Amino acid sequence: MTFVACPFQADYPEQREGQPPSCRISIDNVARELVPQIRAAFGVRAYIDVLYREYIGSDLTNPAYGPVQFELRNIQMTGPTLAGTVIEKNLQNKRFPRTTKNYDYQRFPSLLS
């Protein structure tokens, strides 16, 4: 999979008890090659994954923060502008403190209680 960096506008994530952080996002000038894929995702009601990474201008080799994975929902496409809501994906199973392990019921049976 090839990643394409693109500028976007987003509100600060809203935090509510019992719900994952979410915010509105807007992407202008969506590339022509992405439009058919976005329309196909509309047709099957699939979510679009969004990865957020922050880089420091002095070191563009590795992200200084992230990646954080979001799902893009409630999408509206108006001309070349895509707008929707991003919600942090699978927050309850977030890898902590290790990035190579997920919490699951097989390894952590007390999660079923």
N, C-alpha and C. Protein backbone atom coordinates (compact mmCIF):
# COMPACT_ATOMS: atom_id res chain seq x y z
N MET A 1 0.84 -1.17 0.00
CA MET A 1 0.00 0.00 0.00
C MET A 1 0.89 1.24 0.00
N THR A 2 0.59 2.19 -0.86
CA THR A 2 1.33 3.43 -0.93
C THR A 2 0.57 4.51 -0.17
N PHE A 3 1.28 5.23 0.68
CA PHE A 3 0.67 6.30 1.44
C PHE A 3 0.90 7.61 0.72
N VAL A 4 -0.12 8.44 0.73
CA VAL A 4 -0.03 9.75 0.11
C VAL A 4 -0.32 10.79 1.19
N ALA A 5 0.64 11.67 1.40
CA ALA A 5 0.43 12.74 2.37
C ALA A 5 -0.47 13.79 1.76
N CYS A 6 -1.37 14.34 2.57
CA CYS A 6 -2.25 15.39 2.06
C CYS A 6 -2.59 16.36 3.19
N PRO A 7 -2.71 17.63 2.85
CA PRO A 7 -3.10 18.61 3.87
C PRO A 7 -4.58 18.45 4.21
N PHE A 8 -4.92 18.76 5.45
CA PHE A 8 -6.31 18.64 5.89
C PHE A 8 -6.57 19.65 6.98
N GLN A 9 -7.84 19.84 7.30
CA GLN A 9 -8.24 20.68 8.43
C GLN A 9 -9.04 19.80 9.38
N ALA A 10 -8.81 19.98 10.68
CA ALA A 10 -9.53 19.18 11.66
C ALA A 10 -9.75 19.99 12.92
N ASP A 11 -10.87 19.73 13.58
CA ASP A 11 -11.12 20.31 14.89
C ASP A 11 -10.31 19.53 15.92
N TYR A 12 -10.21 20.08 17.12
CA TYR A 12 -9.57 19.36 18.21
C TYR A 12 -10.48 18.20 18.60
N PRO A 13 -9.94 16.99 18.84
CA PRO A 13 -10.80 15.83 19.15
C PRO A 13 -11.69 16.08 20.37
N GLU A 14 -12.94 15.72 20.18
CA GLU A 14 -13.93 15.84 21.24
C GLU A 14 -13.81 14.63 22.16
N GLN A 15 -13.82 14.86 23.46
CA GLN A 15 -13.68 13.77 24.43
C GLN A 15 -14.94 13.71 25.28
N ARG A 16 -15.65 12.58 25.20
CA ARG A 16 -16.85 12.37 26.01
C ARG A 16 -16.72 11.04 26.73
N GLU A 17 -17.27 11.00 27.92
CA GLU A 17 -17.18 9.78 28.71
C GLU A 17 -17.90 8.63 28.00
N GLY A 18 -17.22 7.49 27.93
CA GLY A 18 -17.80 6.29 27.33
C GLY A 18 -17.74 6.24 25.82
N GLN A 19 -17.12 7.25 25.19
CA GLN A 19 -17.01 7.27 23.73
C GLN A 19 -15.58 7.56 23.33
N PRO A 20 -15.14 6.99 22.21
CA PRO A 20 -13.77 7.27 21.75
C PRO A 20 -13.66 8.71 21.25
N PRO A 21 -12.44 9.30 21.30
CA PRO A 21 -12.26 10.65 20.78
C PRO A 21 -12.65 10.73 19.31
N SER A 22 -13.29 11.84 18.93
CA SER A 22 -13.68 12.03 17.54
C SER A 22 -13.59 13.51 17.19
N CYS A 23 -13.47 13.79 15.89
CA CYS A 23 -13.46 15.17 15.43
C CYS A 23 -13.86 15.22 13.96
N ARG A 24 -14.23 16.40 13.49
CA ARG A 24 -14.56 16.63 12.09
C ARG A 24 -13.27 16.88 11.33
N ILE A 25 -13.20 16.37 10.11
CA ILE A 25 -12.03 16.54 9.27
C ILE A 25 -12.49 16.93 7.87
N SER A 26 -11.69 17.75 7.21
CA SER A 26 -12.00 18.19 5.86
C SER A 26 -10.72 18.12 5.03
N ILE A 27 -10.81 17.51 3.86
CA ILE A 27 -9.67 17.38 2.96
C ILE A 27 -10.05 18.03 1.64
N ASP A 28 -9.32 19.07 1.26
CA ASP A 28 -9.57 19.77 -0.01
C ASP A 28 -8.78 19.13 -1.13
N ASN A 29 -9.26 19.30 -2.36
CA ASN A 29 -8.57 18.83 -3.56
C ASN A 29 -8.22 17.35 -3.50
N VAL A 30 -9.21 16.52 -3.19
CA VAL A 30 -8.99 15.08 -3.14
C VAL A 30 -8.55 14.61 -4.53
N ALA A 31 -7.48 13.86 -4.56
CA ALA A 31 -6.90 13.42 -5.84
C ALA A 31 -7.90 12.63 -6.67
N ARG A 32 -7.86 12.82 -7.99
CA ARG A 32 -8.79 12.15 -8.90
C ARG A 32 -8.74 10.64 -8.79
N GLU A 33 -7.55 10.09 -8.54
CA GLU A 33 -7.44 8.63 -8.47
C GLU A 33 -8.09 8.05 -7.22
N LEU A 34 -8.35 8.89 -6.21
CA LEU A 34 -9.00 8.40 -4.99
C LEU A 34 -10.52 8.44 -5.07
N VAL A 35 -11.07 9.28 -5.91
CA VAL A 35 -12.53 9.45 -5.97
C VAL A 35 -13.25 8.13 -6.26
N PRO A 36 -12.83 7.31 -7.25
CA PRO A 36 -13.53 6.04 -7.47
C PRO A 36 -13.48 5.11 -6.25
N GLN A 37 -12.37 5.11 -5.53
CA GLN A 37 -12.26 4.26 -4.34
C GLN A 37 -13.17 4.76 -3.23
N ILE A 38 -13.28 6.06 -3.09
CA ILE A 38 -14.16 6.64 -2.07
C ILE A 38 -15.61 6.32 -2.40
N ARG A 39 -15.99 6.48 -3.66
CA ARG A 39 -17.37 6.17 -4.07
C ARG A 39 -17.67 4.68 -3.90
N ALA A 40 -16.69 3.81 -4.16
CA ALA A 40 -16.88 2.37 -3.95
C ALA A 40 -17.09 2.07 -2.46
N ALA A 41 -16.36 2.77 -1.58
CA ALA A 41 -16.53 2.59 -0.14
C ALA A 41 -17.93 3.03 0.29
N PHE A 42 -18.46 4.10 -0.33
CA PHE A 42 -19.84 4.52 -0.05
C PHE A 42 -20.80 3.39 -0.37
N GLY A 43 -20.58 2.72 -1.50
CA GLY A 43 -21.50 1.69 -1.99
C GLY A 43 -21.61 0.49 -1.08
N VAL A 44 -20.55 0.13 -0.38
CA VAL A 44 -20.58 -1.03 0.51
C VAL A 44 -20.59 -0.62 1.98
N ARG A 45 -20.75 0.67 2.22
CA ARG A 45 -20.76 1.21 3.59
C ARG A 45 -19.51 0.84 4.37
N ALA A 46 -18.37 0.89 3.72
CA ALA A 46 -17.10 0.58 4.36
C ALA A 46 -16.49 1.86 4.94
N TYR A 47 -15.74 1.71 6.02
CA TYR A 47 -15.05 2.84 6.60
C TYR A 47 -13.70 3.00 5.92
N ILE A 48 -13.23 4.21 5.86
CA ILE A 48 -11.92 4.51 5.29
C ILE A 48 -10.96 4.70 6.44
N ASP A 49 -9.82 4.01 6.40
CA ASP A 49 -8.81 4.17 7.44
C ASP A 49 -7.99 5.41 7.17
N VAL A 50 -7.74 6.18 8.23
CA VAL A 50 -6.92 7.39 8.15
C VAL A 50 -5.80 7.21 9.16
N LEU A 51 -4.56 7.37 8.71
CA LEU A 51 -3.41 7.31 9.62
C LEU A 51 -2.88 8.72 9.82
N TYR A 52 -2.69 9.10 11.06
CA TYR A 52 -2.18 10.42 11.39
C TYR A 52 -0.77 10.27 11.94
N ARG A 53 0.16 11.01 11.35
CA ARG A 53 1.55 11.02 11.80
C ARG A 53 2.03 12.46 11.83
N GLU A 54 2.85 12.78 12.82
CA GLU A 54 3.46 14.11 12.89
C GLU A 54 4.96 13.97 12.66
N TYR A 55 5.49 14.86 11.85
CA TYR A 55 6.92 14.88 11.57
C TYR A 55 7.50 16.21 12.02
N ILE A 56 8.77 16.18 12.39
CA ILE A 56 9.51 17.39 12.71
C ILE A 56 10.24 17.80 11.43
N GLY A 57 10.19 19.08 11.10
CA GLY A 57 10.78 19.57 9.85
C GLY A 57 12.26 19.26 9.72
N SER A 58 12.98 19.13 10.83
CA SER A 58 14.41 18.86 10.76
C SER A 58 14.72 17.37 10.57
N ASP A 59 13.72 16.48 10.76
CA ASP A 59 13.92 15.05 10.58
C ASP A 59 12.66 14.42 9.98
N LEU A 60 12.63 14.29 8.67
CA LEU A 60 11.47 13.73 7.99
C LEU A 60 11.58 12.23 7.75
N THR A 61 12.61 11.59 8.35
CA THR A 61 12.81 10.15 8.13
C THR A 61 11.84 9.30 8.94
N ASN A 62 11.47 9.74 10.15
CA ASN A 62 10.58 8.98 11.02
C ASN A 62 9.57 9.92 11.66
N PRO A 63 8.37 9.42 11.94
CA PRO A 63 7.39 10.28 12.62
C PRO A 63 7.85 10.59 14.04
N ALA A 64 7.61 11.83 14.47
CA ALA A 64 7.89 12.21 15.85
C ALA A 64 6.74 11.77 16.75
N TYR A 65 5.55 11.61 16.16
CA TYR A 65 4.37 11.17 16.90
C TYR A 65 3.51 10.33 15.96
N GLY A 66 3.02 9.22 16.48
CA GLY A 66 2.12 8.39 15.67
C GLY A 66 2.83 7.18 15.10
N PRO A 67 2.17 6.43 14.28
CA PRO A 67 0.87 6.71 13.69
C PRO A 67 -0.28 6.38 14.62
N VAL A 68 -1.33 7.17 14.50
CA VAL A 68 -2.59 6.92 15.18
C VAL A 68 -3.60 6.58 14.10
N GLN A 69 -4.32 5.48 14.27
CA GLN A 69 -5.24 5.02 13.25
C GLN A 69 -6.67 5.45 13.59
N PHE A 70 -7.33 6.03 12.60
CA PHE A 70 -8.71 6.49 12.74
C PHE A 70 -9.57 5.85 11.67
N GLU A 71 -10.87 5.83 11.92
CA GLU A 71 -11.85 5.45 10.90
C GLU A 71 -12.60 6.70 10.49
N LEU A 72 -12.72 6.92 9.18
CA LEU A 72 -13.45 8.06 8.66
C LEU A 72 -14.90 7.63 8.44
N ARG A 73 -15.84 8.33 9.10
CA ARG A 73 -17.26 7.99 9.04
C ARG A 73 -18.06 9.23 8.66
N ASN A 74 -19.33 9.01 8.36
CA ASN A 74 -20.24 10.12 8.02
C ASN A 74 -19.64 11.02 6.95
N ILE A 75 -19.26 10.42 5.85
CA ILE A 75 -18.53 11.12 4.80
C ILE A 75 -19.49 11.85 3.86
N GLN A 76 -19.10 13.08 3.53
CA GLN A 76 -19.79 13.84 2.49
C GLN A 76 -18.73 14.29 1.49
N MET A 77 -19.03 14.13 0.22
CA MET A 77 -18.10 14.54 -0.84
C MET A 77 -18.80 15.63 -1.63
N THR A 78 -18.25 16.83 -1.60
CA THR A 78 -18.79 17.96 -2.33
C THR A 78 -17.70 18.47 -3.26
N GLY A 79 -17.86 18.21 -4.56
CA GLY A 79 -16.82 18.58 -5.52
C GLY A 79 -15.53 17.87 -5.14
N PRO A 80 -14.42 18.61 -5.05
CA PRO A 80 -13.15 17.99 -4.69
C PRO A 80 -12.89 17.94 -3.19
N THR A 81 -13.89 18.29 -2.37
CA THR A 81 -13.71 18.33 -0.92
C THR A 81 -14.41 17.15 -0.25
N LEU A 82 -13.67 16.47 0.61
CA LEU A 82 -14.18 15.34 1.38
C LEU A 82 -14.26 15.80 2.84
N ALA A 83 -15.38 15.56 3.48
CA ALA A 83 -15.55 15.92 4.89
C ALA A 83 -16.18 14.74 5.61
N GLY A 84 -15.84 14.59 6.87
CA GLY A 84 -16.41 13.51 7.66
C GLY A 84 -15.94 13.58 9.10
N THR A 85 -16.26 12.54 9.84
CA THR A 85 -15.87 12.44 11.25
C THR A 85 -14.85 11.32 11.39
N VAL A 86 -13.75 11.60 12.08
CA VAL A 86 -12.78 10.55 12.35
C VAL A 86 -12.90 10.14 13.81
N ILE A 87 -12.86 8.82 14.04
CA ILE A 87 -12.96 8.24 15.37
C ILE A 87 -11.77 7.32 15.56
N GLU A 88 -11.12 7.43 16.71
CA GLU A 88 -9.96 6.57 16.96
C GLU A 88 -10.39 5.12 16.90
N LYS A 89 -9.65 4.36 16.12
CA LYS A 89 -10.02 2.97 15.84
C LYS A 89 -9.59 2.04 16.97
N ASN A 90 -10.52 1.22 17.43
CA ASN A 90 -10.24 0.14 18.36
C ASN A 90 -9.49 0.61 19.61
N LEU A 91 -9.96 1.68 20.22
CA LEU A 91 -9.27 2.27 21.37
C LEU A 91 -9.19 1.31 22.55
N GLN A 92 -10.23 0.50 22.76
CA GLN A 92 -10.24 -0.39 23.93
C GLN A 92 -9.18 -1.48 23.84
N ASN A 93 -8.70 -1.81 22.64
CA ASN A 93 -7.66 -2.83 22.49
C ASN A 93 -6.30 -2.21 22.14
N LYS A 94 -6.14 -0.95 22.44
CA LYS A 94 -4.89 -0.25 22.11
C LYS A 94 -3.71 -0.95 22.78
N ARG A 95 -2.63 -1.03 22.04
CA ARG A 95 -1.43 -1.70 22.54
C ARG A 95 -0.76 -0.85 23.62
N PHE A 96 -0.69 -1.40 24.81
CA PHE A 96 -0.06 -0.70 25.91
C PHE A 96 0.50 -1.71 26.88
N PRO A 97 1.68 -1.60 27.36
CA PRO A 97 2.68 -0.61 27.00
C PRO A 97 3.52 -1.02 25.79
N ARG A 98 3.29 -2.20 25.27
CA ARG A 98 4.10 -2.70 24.16
C ARG A 98 3.38 -2.48 22.84
N THR A 99 4.13 -2.19 21.81
CA THR A 99 3.52 -1.98 20.51
C THR A 99 3.39 -3.26 19.71
N THR A 100 3.89 -4.38 20.27
CA THR A 100 3.84 -5.64 19.53
C THR A 100 2.77 -6.59 20.04
N LYS A 101 2.05 -6.21 21.09
CA LYS A 101 1.05 -7.09 21.70
C LYS A 101 -0.29 -6.38 21.80
N ASN A 102 -1.36 -7.10 21.56
CA ASN A 102 -2.71 -6.61 21.77
C ASN A 102 -3.32 -7.34 22.95
N TYR A 103 -4.21 -6.65 23.67
CA TYR A 103 -4.96 -7.32 24.71
C TYR A 103 -6.06 -8.14 24.04
N ASP A 104 -6.17 -9.40 24.41
CA ASP A 104 -7.23 -10.24 23.87
C ASP A 104 -7.71 -11.19 24.96
N TYR A 105 -8.85 -11.83 24.72
CA TYR A 105 -9.45 -12.70 25.73
C TYR A 105 -8.68 -13.99 25.95
N GLN A 106 -7.94 -14.45 24.95
CA GLN A 106 -7.16 -15.68 25.10
C GLN A 106 -5.99 -15.50 26.06
N ARG A 107 -5.28 -14.41 25.92
CA ARG A 107 -4.10 -14.16 26.77
C ARG A 107 -4.48 -13.48 28.10
N PHE A 108 -5.62 -12.78 28.13
CA PHE A 108 -6.05 -12.06 29.32
C PHE A 108 -7.50 -12.42 29.63
N PRO A 109 -7.75 -13.66 30.15
CA PRO A 109 -9.12 -14.12 30.37
C PRO A 109 -9.90 -13.27 31.37
N SER A 110 -9.22 -12.54 32.22
CA SER A 110 -9.95 -11.71 33.20
C SER A 110 -10.70 -10.56 32.53
N LEU A 111 -10.42 -10.29 31.27
CA LEU A 111 -11.16 -9.24 30.56
C LEU A 111 -12.62 -9.62 30.35
N LEU A 112 -12.93 -10.92 30.44
CA LEU A 112 -14.31 -11.38 30.26
C LEU A 112 -15.18 -11.09 31.47
N SER A 113 -14.58 -10.83 32.63
CA SER A 113 -15.34 -10.62 33.87
C SER A 113 -16.10 -9.33 33.86
